[in-house]
Amino acid sequence: MTKKGDFIRPNDREASLIATRNLKMSRSPHAYVRGNTIKFYEWLEAQKKGTLPDGPPSWICGDCHTGNLGPVANSAGRIEIQIRDLDQTVIGNPAHDLIRLGLSLASTARGSDLPGVTTAKMLEQMMAGYEKSFEPGFNEEVDIEEPKAVELISKQAASASWKTLAKERIEDVRPTLPLGRRFWPITKKETQEVEKLFESEEMRGLATMLRSRKDDARVKLLDAAYWMKGCSSLGRLRYAAILRVGGRKGKKSDFCMMDIKEAAPPAAPRSSRAKIPTNPAERVVEGARHLSPYLGARMRASKLMHKPVFVRELMPQDLKIEIERLSPDEATKTAYFLSAVVGKAHSRQMDSDTRAKWLRDLQHNRSKSLDAPSWLWTSVVDLLADHEKAYLEHCRKYSLERDRG
């Protein structure tokens, strides 16, 4: 149980967010890689032109690490493993997603105390899985084997229900948000603004689109709170809201939980030739529709307190893949599978000629001793070293600050 003294008041949010973010990123090198996207973009910006392949401009995740992939359900409840976080999505170079995923997988391997040769094999399998997804009629459910970490989360997603979601997200099956470490109090003004948001016709339509809810069903806000989730909430709006859809209490009503998140301009580099929505929330929704159709169809862009936000209903099946420890065999299978998911998201946007050319470009610069392109191997090794140094410095500063506190 959370005590009253643990509640985070609105005036204390910023300091609490910084402290929580610093704690999360100090836990492991992989946590630091996941939480410090900007470090990755700084490295990209420093690369000389021609160092990396220039892939066909496509919608990319922009922050393609393992934690941003997982089961996603469509409005009918069908589940697929797709990209589930699109905050940084842009029309850019698909090679950037490959490098970011390779870095994430390599840092997981280091956290699992796996030898360097396993990292090399993971990158080889990563490229094999990515290229496999470009084959005509590719279906990851049939064409590739789910690794244990993915199979486990897929089974959990398939059996999930509202009670599962409630216990996972709000620790109870009652339609309220328990204030504590994850959910923080909001002001009366904030509550009124969230309530106003769901009075709009577009947001009401979002709340009634799933399952068998009636299009004209009444939508009422029952509870709302600031949501401390991940490291990207720092300095931005992030709210959870519980709605009742349908009749009054006990009369054919249904409950749903909404995620409201402020969208910011992307740090991910975009193609100079690309036309992308200037509104950050519209950009996120558009990118989701191309990369993760199941998720994109369930998202809407709007404004809250004059800031762009995107809104989606959280479904019980929406889970993220948590990979803490891997065996050598599971490491290579996981790399193969996840890269195939990313490849499918990229390839569905390309015509056959573009796909064929991109595959030819990817296969350049392969040595006899490593069946992964040299640009990928060199990039991941450089990034690992760069992030390791930054991670240790982060831990030193965090320790000093904690001691002073």
Protein backbone atom coordinates (compact mmCIF):
# COMPACT_ATOMS: atom_id res chain seq x y z
CA MET A 1 0.00 0.00 0.00
CA THR A 2 1.15 3.52 -0.72
CA LYS A 3 1.13 5.96 2.15
CA LYS A 4 -0.17 9.51 1.90
CA GLY A 5 3.36 10.81 2.30
CA ASP A 6 4.34 9.02 -0.92
CA PHE A 7 1.93 11.09 -3.05
CA ILE A 8 3.57 13.41 -5.53
CA ARG A 9 1.95 16.83 -5.53
CA PRO A 10 1.70 18.84 -8.77
CA ASN A 11 4.31 21.36 -7.62
CA ASP A 12 6.82 18.56 -6.96
CA ARG A 13 6.40 16.72 -10.26
CA GLU A 14 9.45 18.02 -12.09
CA ALA A 15 11.94 17.19 -9.33
CA SER A 16 10.33 13.79 -8.78
CA LEU A 17 10.43 13.00 -12.51
CA ILE A 18 14.14 13.86 -12.71
CA ALA A 19 14.93 11.75 -9.65
CA THR A 20 12.93 8.78 -10.95
CA ARG A 21 14.50 9.02 -14.40
CA ASN A 22 18.03 9.15 -12.96
CA LEU A 23 17.31 6.14 -10.75
CA LYS A 24 15.91 4.08 -13.64
CA MET A 25 18.85 4.87 -15.90
CA SER A 26 21.39 3.95 -13.22
CA ARG A 27 20.09 0.40 -12.81
CA SER A 28 21.91 -1.14 -15.79
CA PRO A 29 23.69 -0.22 -19.02
CA HIS A 30 20.64 -1.48 -20.95
CA ALA A 31 18.31 0.76 -18.92
CA TYR A 32 20.60 3.69 -19.75
CA VAL A 33 20.52 2.82 -23.47
CA ARG A 34 16.72 2.65 -23.41
CA GLY A 35 16.32 5.89 -21.48
CA ASN A 36 18.86 8.09 -23.24
CA THR A 37 17.65 8.35 -26.82
CA ILE A 38 19.35 11.72 -27.27
CA LYS A 39 22.78 10.10 -26.86
CA PHE A 40 22.01 7.90 -29.86
CA TYR A 41 20.99 10.87 -32.01
CA GLU A 42 24.13 12.78 -31.03
CA TRP A 43 26.18 9.84 -32.29
CA LEU A 44 24.20 9.73 -35.54
CA GLU A 45 24.72 13.43 -36.14
CA ALA A 46 28.49 13.00 -35.75
CA GLN A 47 28.72 10.37 -38.51
CA LYS A 48 30.30 11.35 -41.80
CA LYS A 49 28.10 11.27 -44.86
CA GLY A 50 28.31 7.88 -46.57
CA THR A 51 29.22 5.98 -43.38
CA LEU A 52 25.75 4.43 -43.22
CA PRO A 53 23.54 3.18 -46.07
CA ASP A 54 21.01 5.74 -47.22
CA GLY A 55 17.78 3.75 -47.14
CA PRO A 56 14.55 4.69 -48.92
CA PRO A 57 12.68 7.41 -46.95
CA SER A 58 10.09 5.56 -44.88
CA TRP A 59 8.27 5.98 -41.62
CA ILE A 60 10.63 4.66 -38.94
CA CYS A 61 10.21 4.18 -35.20
CA GLY A 62 13.11 6.52 -34.43
CA ASP A 63 13.62 4.87 -31.02
CA CYS A 64 13.66 1.21 -31.96
CA HIS A 65 14.81 -0.62 -28.81
CA THR A 66 13.46 -3.94 -27.51
CA GLY A 67 11.17 -2.31 -24.94
CA ASN A 68 9.31 -0.49 -27.71
CA LEU A 69 8.19 -3.75 -29.33
CA GLY A 70 5.46 -6.02 -28.07
CA PRO A 71 1.94 -7.43 -28.52
CA VAL A 72 -0.60 -4.89 -29.80
CA ALA A 73 -4.30 -5.55 -30.26
CA ASN A 74 -6.57 -4.13 -32.94
CA SER A 75 -10.16 -2.98 -32.33
CA ALA A 76 -11.40 -6.57 -32.73
CA GLY A 77 -8.89 -7.95 -30.21
CA ARG A 78 -6.57 -9.66 -32.73
CA ILE A 79 -2.94 -9.55 -31.58
CA GLU A 80 0.33 -8.97 -33.43
CA ILE A 81 3.83 -8.13 -32.28
CA GLN A 82 4.33 -4.57 -33.52
CA ILE A 83 6.19 -1.39 -32.64
CA ARG A 84 4.33 0.07 -29.67
CA ASP A 85 6.00 3.42 -28.98
CA LEU A 86 6.08 6.01 -31.77
CA ASP A 87 7.05 9.24 -29.96
CA GLN A 88 10.10 9.70 -32.21
CA THR A 89 8.59 8.45 -35.44
CA VAL A 90 9.58 10.33 -38.61
CA ILE A 91 10.03 9.65 -42.29
CA GLY A 92 13.71 8.84 -42.23
CA ASN A 93 16.41 6.28 -42.93
CA PRO A 94 15.33 2.71 -41.97
CA ALA A 95 19.00 1.93 -41.23
CA HIS A 96 18.65 4.08 -38.09
CA ASP A 97 16.06 1.67 -36.67
CA LEU A 98 18.38 -1.25 -37.38
CA ILE A 99 21.30 0.36 -35.58
CA ARG A 100 19.17 1.37 -32.59
CA LEU A 101 17.76 -2.16 -32.32
CA GLY A 102 21.25 -3.64 -32.68
CA LEU A 103 22.52 -1.43 -29.85
CA SER A 104 19.60 -2.47 -27.62
CA LEU A 105 20.15 -6.17 -28.32
CA ALA A 106 23.91 -5.90 -27.80
CA SER A 107 23.47 -4.12 -24.46
CA THR A 108 21.04 -6.87 -23.40
CA ALA A 109 23.68 -9.45 -24.30
CA ARG A 110 26.23 -7.64 -22.15
CA GLY A 111 23.75 -7.54 -19.28
CA SER A 112 23.30 -11.30 -19.66
CA ASP A 113 27.11 -11.83 -19.44
CA LEU A 114 27.16 -13.33 -22.92
CA PRO A 115 30.48 -13.48 -24.82
CA GLY A 116 31.27 -11.09 -27.63
CA VAL A 117 30.90 -13.85 -30.20
CA THR A 118 27.21 -14.09 -29.23
CA THR A 119 26.79 -10.38 -29.94
CA ALA A 120 28.31 -10.92 -33.38
CA LYS A 121 25.89 -13.80 -34.03
CA MET A 122 22.96 -11.68 -32.80
CA LEU A 123 23.75 -9.01 -35.38
CA GLU A 124 24.05 -11.65 -38.07
CA GLN A 125 20.66 -13.07 -37.13
CA MET A 126 19.22 -9.61 -36.86
CA MET A 127 20.05 -8.93 -40.49
CA ALA A 128 18.78 -12.37 -41.53
CA GLY A 129 15.43 -11.75 -39.81
CA TYR A 130 15.10 -8.26 -41.26
CA GLU A 131 15.79 -9.50 -44.80
CA LYS A 132 13.43 -12.45 -44.31
CA SER A 133 10.56 -10.03 -43.67
CA PHE A 134 10.98 -8.57 -47.18
CA GLU A 135 10.01 -11.85 -48.84
CA PRO A 136 6.61 -11.81 -50.62
CA GLY A 137 3.78 -12.97 -48.37
CA PHE A 138 5.93 -12.92 -45.21
CA ASN A 139 3.95 -13.82 -42.06
CA GLU A 140 5.91 -13.84 -38.80
CA GLU A 141 3.36 -16.17 -37.17
CA VAL A 142 4.14 -18.87 -39.75
CA ASP A 143 7.57 -18.08 -41.17
CA ILE A 144 9.58 -17.60 -37.97
CA GLU A 145 9.64 -19.15 -34.51
CA GLU A 146 8.81 -16.98 -31.52
CA PRO A 147 11.61 -16.96 -28.93
CA LYS A 148 10.62 -17.85 -25.38
CA ALA A 149 10.56 -14.24 -24.15
CA VAL A 150 8.15 -13.29 -26.94
CA GLU A 151 6.09 -16.49 -26.69
CA LEU A 152 5.53 -15.89 -22.98
CA ILE A 153 4.33 -12.32 -23.43
CA SER A 154 2.15 -13.36 -26.39
CA LYS A 155 0.40 -15.96 -24.23
CA GLN A 156 -0.16 -13.39 -21.51
CA ALA A 157 -1.60 -10.99 -24.08
CA ALA A 158 -3.93 -13.62 -25.54
CA SER A 159 -5.45 -14.36 -22.12
CA ALA A 160 -5.61 -10.77 -20.89
CA SER A 161 -8.87 -9.07 -19.85
CA TRP A 162 -10.03 -5.87 -18.16
CA LYS A 163 -9.16 -7.44 -14.81
CA THR A 164 -5.67 -8.16 -16.12
CA LEU A 165 -5.30 -4.54 -17.22
CA ALA A 166 -6.65 -3.24 -13.94
CA LYS A 167 -4.29 -5.35 -11.85
CA GLU A 168 -1.32 -4.52 -14.11
CA ARG A 169 -1.92 -0.78 -14.39
CA ILE A 170 -4.03 0.24 -11.42
CA GLU A 171 -3.56 -2.62 -8.93
CA ASP A 172 -7.29 -3.18 -8.53
CA VAL A 173 -10.43 -3.95 -10.53
CA ARG A 174 -12.28 -0.88 -9.26
CA PRO A 175 -12.56 2.00 -11.73
CA THR A 176 -10.23 4.35 -9.82
CA LEU A 177 -6.54 5.20 -10.05
CA PRO A 178 -4.63 4.59 -6.80
CA LEU A 179 -2.40 7.57 -6.06
CA GLY A 180 1.18 6.62 -5.33
CA ARG A 181 4.42 6.06 -7.17
CA ARG A 182 2.89 5.69 -10.63
CA PHE A 183 -0.22 7.85 -10.45
CA TRP A 184 0.06 11.35 -9.00
CA PRO A 185 -2.65 13.86 -8.00
CA ILE A 186 -3.72 16.49 -10.51
CA THR A 187 -5.27 19.88 -9.96
CA LYS A 188 -8.95 20.70 -10.34
CA LYS A 189 -8.09 22.66 -13.49
CA GLU A 190 -6.30 19.64 -14.99
CA THR A 191 -9.27 17.40 -14.19
CA GLN A 192 -11.62 19.84 -15.89
CA GLU A 193 -9.40 19.96 -18.99
CA VAL A 194 -9.28 16.15 -19.23
CA GLU A 195 -13.05 16.01 -18.79
CA LYS A 196 -13.46 18.60 -21.54
CA LEU A 197 -11.19 16.56 -23.83
CA PHE A 198 -13.50 13.55 -23.71
CA GLU A 199 -16.56 15.67 -24.33
CA SER A 200 -15.37 16.24 -27.89
CA GLU A 201 -17.03 14.16 -30.60
CA GLU A 202 -13.69 12.73 -31.79
CA MET A 203 -12.61 11.52 -28.35
CA ARG A 204 -16.06 10.14 -27.60
CA GLY A 205 -15.79 8.20 -30.86
CA LEU A 206 -12.42 6.82 -29.76
CA ALA A 207 -13.93 5.61 -26.49
CA THR A 208 -16.83 3.84 -28.24
CA MET A 209 -14.97 2.29 -31.18
CA LEU A 210 -13.68 -0.84 -29.44
CA ARG A 211 -15.51 -4.05 -28.65
CA SER A 212 -19.30 -3.89 -28.96
CA ARG A 213 -19.86 -0.41 -27.56
CA LYS A 214 -22.64 1.59 -29.17
CA ASP A 215 -21.59 4.58 -31.26
CA ASP A 216 -23.94 6.89 -29.37
CA ALA A 217 -23.03 5.58 -25.90
CA ARG A 218 -22.60 8.09 -23.11
CA VAL A 219 -18.98 8.72 -22.06
CA LYS A 220 -18.15 9.95 -18.57
CA LEU A 221 -14.80 10.63 -16.89
CA LEU A 222 -14.59 8.72 -13.60
CA ASP A 223 -11.01 9.42 -12.56
CA ALA A 224 -7.79 10.94 -13.87
CA ALA A 225 -4.21 11.24 -12.63
CA TYR A 226 -0.76 12.24 -13.79
CA TRP A 227 1.02 9.08 -14.97
CA MET A 228 4.68 8.57 -14.21
CA LYS A 229 5.62 6.13 -16.94
CA GLY A 230 8.99 5.61 -18.60
CA CYS A 231 11.63 8.31 -18.96
CA SER A 232 9.92 10.31 -21.69
CA SER A 233 7.39 11.92 -19.31
CA LEU A 234 9.99 14.42 -18.13
CA GLY A 235 8.65 17.92 -18.60
CA ARG A 236 5.60 16.77 -20.58
CA LEU A 237 1.94 16.12 -19.94
CA ARG A 238 1.07 12.48 -19.29
CA TYR A 239 -2.26 11.44 -17.87
CA ALA A 240 -4.25 8.27 -17.31
CA ALA A 241 -8.03 8.53 -17.39
CA ILE A 242 -10.75 6.01 -16.58
CA LEU A 243 -13.98 6.40 -18.50
CA ARG A 244 -17.37 4.80 -18.15
CA VAL A 245 -18.91 4.06 -21.52
CA GLY A 246 -22.62 3.33 -21.73
CA GLY A 247 -25.41 3.51 -19.20
CA ARG A 248 -25.21 4.70 -15.65
CA LYS A 249 -23.52 2.62 -12.98
CA GLY A 250 -24.67 -0.99 -13.15
CA LYS A 251 -26.75 -0.50 -16.30
CA LYS A 252 -24.86 -2.03 -19.22
CA SER A 253 -21.84 0.18 -18.70
CA ASP A 254 -18.26 -0.58 -19.67
CA PHE A 255 -14.98 0.84 -18.42
CA CYS A 256 -11.90 1.83 -20.33
CA MET A 257 -8.53 3.34 -19.48
CA MET A 258 -7.12 6.08 -21.69
CA ASP A 259 -3.50 7.12 -22.09
CA ILE A 260 -3.05 10.85 -22.82
CA LYS A 261 0.48 11.85 -23.76
CA GLU A 262 1.98 15.14 -24.89
CA ALA A 263 3.80 14.95 -28.21
CA ALA A 264 7.01 16.90 -28.72
CA PRO A 265 9.07 17.66 -31.84
CA PRO A 266 11.18 14.59 -32.71
CA ALA A 267 14.89 14.37 -32.06
CA ALA A 268 15.16 11.62 -34.68
CA PRO A 269 16.63 12.86 -37.99
CA ARG A 270 14.09 13.10 -40.79
CA SER A 271 14.48 12.90 -44.54
CA SER A 272 14.87 16.32 -46.14
CA ARG A 273 12.52 15.20 -48.90
CA ALA A 274 9.76 14.06 -46.57
CA LYS A 275 6.47 15.79 -45.91
CA ILE A 276 5.60 15.18 -42.28
CA PRO A 277 2.74 16.72 -40.25
CA THR A 278 4.03 19.78 -38.42
CA ASN A 279 1.77 19.05 -35.46
CA PRO A 280 3.75 16.60 -33.27
CA ALA A 281 0.66 14.65 -32.19
CA GLU A 282 -0.55 14.25 -35.77
CA ARG A 283 2.96 13.08 -36.73
CA VAL A 284 2.89 10.35 -34.07
CA VAL A 285 -0.56 9.12 -35.14
CA GLU A 286 0.39 9.14 -38.83
CA GLY A 287 3.61 7.24 -38.14
CA ALA A 288 1.70 4.68 -36.07
CA ARG A 289 -0.76 4.06 -38.89
CA HIS A 290 2.11 3.15 -41.23
CA LEU A 291 4.33 1.23 -38.81
CA SER A 292 1.82 -0.35 -36.42
CA PRO A 293 -1.63 -0.40 -38.04
CA TYR A 294 -3.26 -2.09 -35.05
CA LEU A 295 -2.13 0.72 -32.76
CA GLY A 296 -2.49 3.55 -35.25
CA ALA A 297 -6.17 2.81 -35.85
CA ARG A 298 -6.78 3.23 -32.11
CA MET A 299 -5.02 6.59 -31.72
CA ARG A 300 -6.21 10.18 -32.13
CA ALA A 301 -4.42 13.52 -32.07
CA SER A 302 -5.86 16.40 -30.06
CA LYS A 303 -4.94 19.30 -27.76
CA LEU A 304 -4.95 19.54 -24.00
CA MET A 305 -4.21 22.82 -22.25
CA HIS A 306 -3.03 24.21 -25.59
CA LYS A 307 -0.48 21.43 -26.05
CA PRO A 308 -0.55 18.67 -28.71
CA VAL A 309 -1.41 15.25 -27.28
CA PHE A 310 -2.18 11.85 -28.69
CA VAL A 311 -4.73 9.61 -27.03
CA ARG A 312 -5.29 5.88 -27.13
CA GLU A 313 -7.28 3.36 -25.16
CA LEU A 314 -5.09 0.93 -23.31
CA MET A 315 -6.09 -2.60 -24.17
CA PRO A 316 -5.30 -5.57 -21.91
CA GLN A 317 -3.30 -7.17 -24.74
CA ASP A 318 -0.91 -4.21 -25.09
CA LEU A 319 2.20 -5.42 -23.32
CA LYS A 320 5.89 -4.70 -23.78
CA ILE A 321 8.59 -7.31 -24.18
CA GLU A 322 10.83 -7.28 -21.12
CA ILE A 323 14.16 -8.96 -21.75
CA GLU A 324 16.45 -9.11 -18.74
CA ARG A 325 18.51 -12.29 -19.17
CA LEU A 326 19.14 -14.35 -22.29
CA SER A 327 20.93 -17.58 -23.14
CA PRO A 328 23.09 -17.56 -26.29
CA ASP A 329 20.44 -19.50 -28.22
CA GLU A 330 17.58 -17.26 -27.07
CA ALA A 331 19.66 -14.17 -27.81
CA THR A 332 20.06 -15.04 -31.48
CA LYS A 333 16.42 -16.16 -31.85
CA THR A 334 15.21 -12.93 -30.23
CA ALA A 335 17.39 -10.81 -32.53
CA TYR A 336 16.05 -12.66 -35.59
CA PHE A 337 12.41 -12.34 -34.55
CA LEU A 338 12.37 -8.71 -33.44
CA SER A 339 14.26 -7.49 -36.50
CA ALA A 340 11.73 -9.32 -38.70
CA VAL A 341 8.93 -7.39 -36.96
CA VAL A 342 10.74 -4.12 -37.67
CA GLY A 343 11.43 -5.23 -41.24
CA LYS A 344 7.74 -5.93 -41.82
CA ALA A 345 6.88 -2.43 -40.57
CA HIS A 346 9.38 -0.95 -43.04
CA SER A 347 8.71 -3.19 -46.04
CA ARG A 348 4.93 -2.69 -46.07
CA GLN A 349 5.62 0.92 -47.04
CA MET A 350 7.77 0.06 -50.09
CA ASP A 351 6.92 -1.19 -53.55
CA SER A 352 8.68 -4.29 -54.92
CA ASP A 353 11.43 -2.37 -56.76
CA THR A 354 12.25 -0.26 -53.70
CA ARG A 355 12.35 -3.34 -51.46
CA ALA A 356 14.71 -5.14 -53.86
CA LYS A 357 17.08 -2.16 -54.08
CA TRP A 358 17.11 -1.67 -50.31
CA LEU A 359 18.01 -5.33 -49.78
CA ARG A 360 20.88 -5.04 -52.26
CA ASP A 361 22.16 -1.95 -50.43
CA LEU A 362 21.98 -3.76 -47.08
CA GLN A 363 24.02 -6.68 -48.36
CA HIS A 364 27.01 -4.53 -49.31
CA ASN A 365 30.18 -4.50 -47.17
CA ARG A 366 29.91 -8.00 -45.74
CA SER A 367 33.12 -9.76 -44.86
CA LYS A 368 33.94 -13.46 -45.09
CA SER A 369 34.15 -13.74 -41.30
CA LEU A 370 30.99 -11.80 -40.34
CA ASP A 371 27.64 -12.24 -42.05
CA ALA A 372 26.48 -8.78 -41.01
CA PRO A 373 27.41 -5.59 -42.83
CA SER A 374 30.51 -3.84 -41.49
CA TRP A 375 28.60 -0.56 -41.04
CA LEU A 376 26.20 -2.24 -38.59
CA TRP A 377 28.94 -3.99 -36.61
CA THR A 378 31.10 -0.87 -36.40
CA SER A 379 28.14 1.30 -35.44
CA VAL A 380 27.00 -0.98 -32.61
CA VAL A 381 30.55 -1.41 -31.23
CA ASP A 382 31.11 2.37 -31.26
CA LEU A 383 27.75 3.03 -29.65
CA LEU A 384 28.32 0.42 -26.94
CA ALA A 385 31.61 2.05 -25.99
CA ASP A 386 30.07 5.53 -26.12
CA HIS A 387 27.09 4.56 -23.96
CA GLU A 388 29.20 2.55 -21.48
CA LYS A 389 31.31 5.61 -20.73
CA ALA A 390 28.25 7.85 -20.45
CA TYR A 391 26.47 5.29 -18.25
CA LEU A 392 29.33 5.12 -15.75
CA GLU A 393 29.50 8.91 -15.62
CA HIS A 394 25.71 9.02 -15.07
CA CYS A 395 26.04 6.55 -12.17
CA ARG A 396 28.88 8.60 -10.62
CA LYS A 397 26.82 11.80 -10.72
CA TYR A 398 23.71 10.00 -9.47
CA SER A 399 25.66 8.55 -6.54
CA LEU A 400 27.13 11.94 -5.61
CA GLU A 401 23.74 13.63 -5.77
CA ARG A 402 22.14 10.91 -3.68
CA ASP A 403 24.87 11.17 -1.05
CA ARG A 404 24.43 14.94 -0.88
CA GLY A 405 20.66 14.48 -0.54
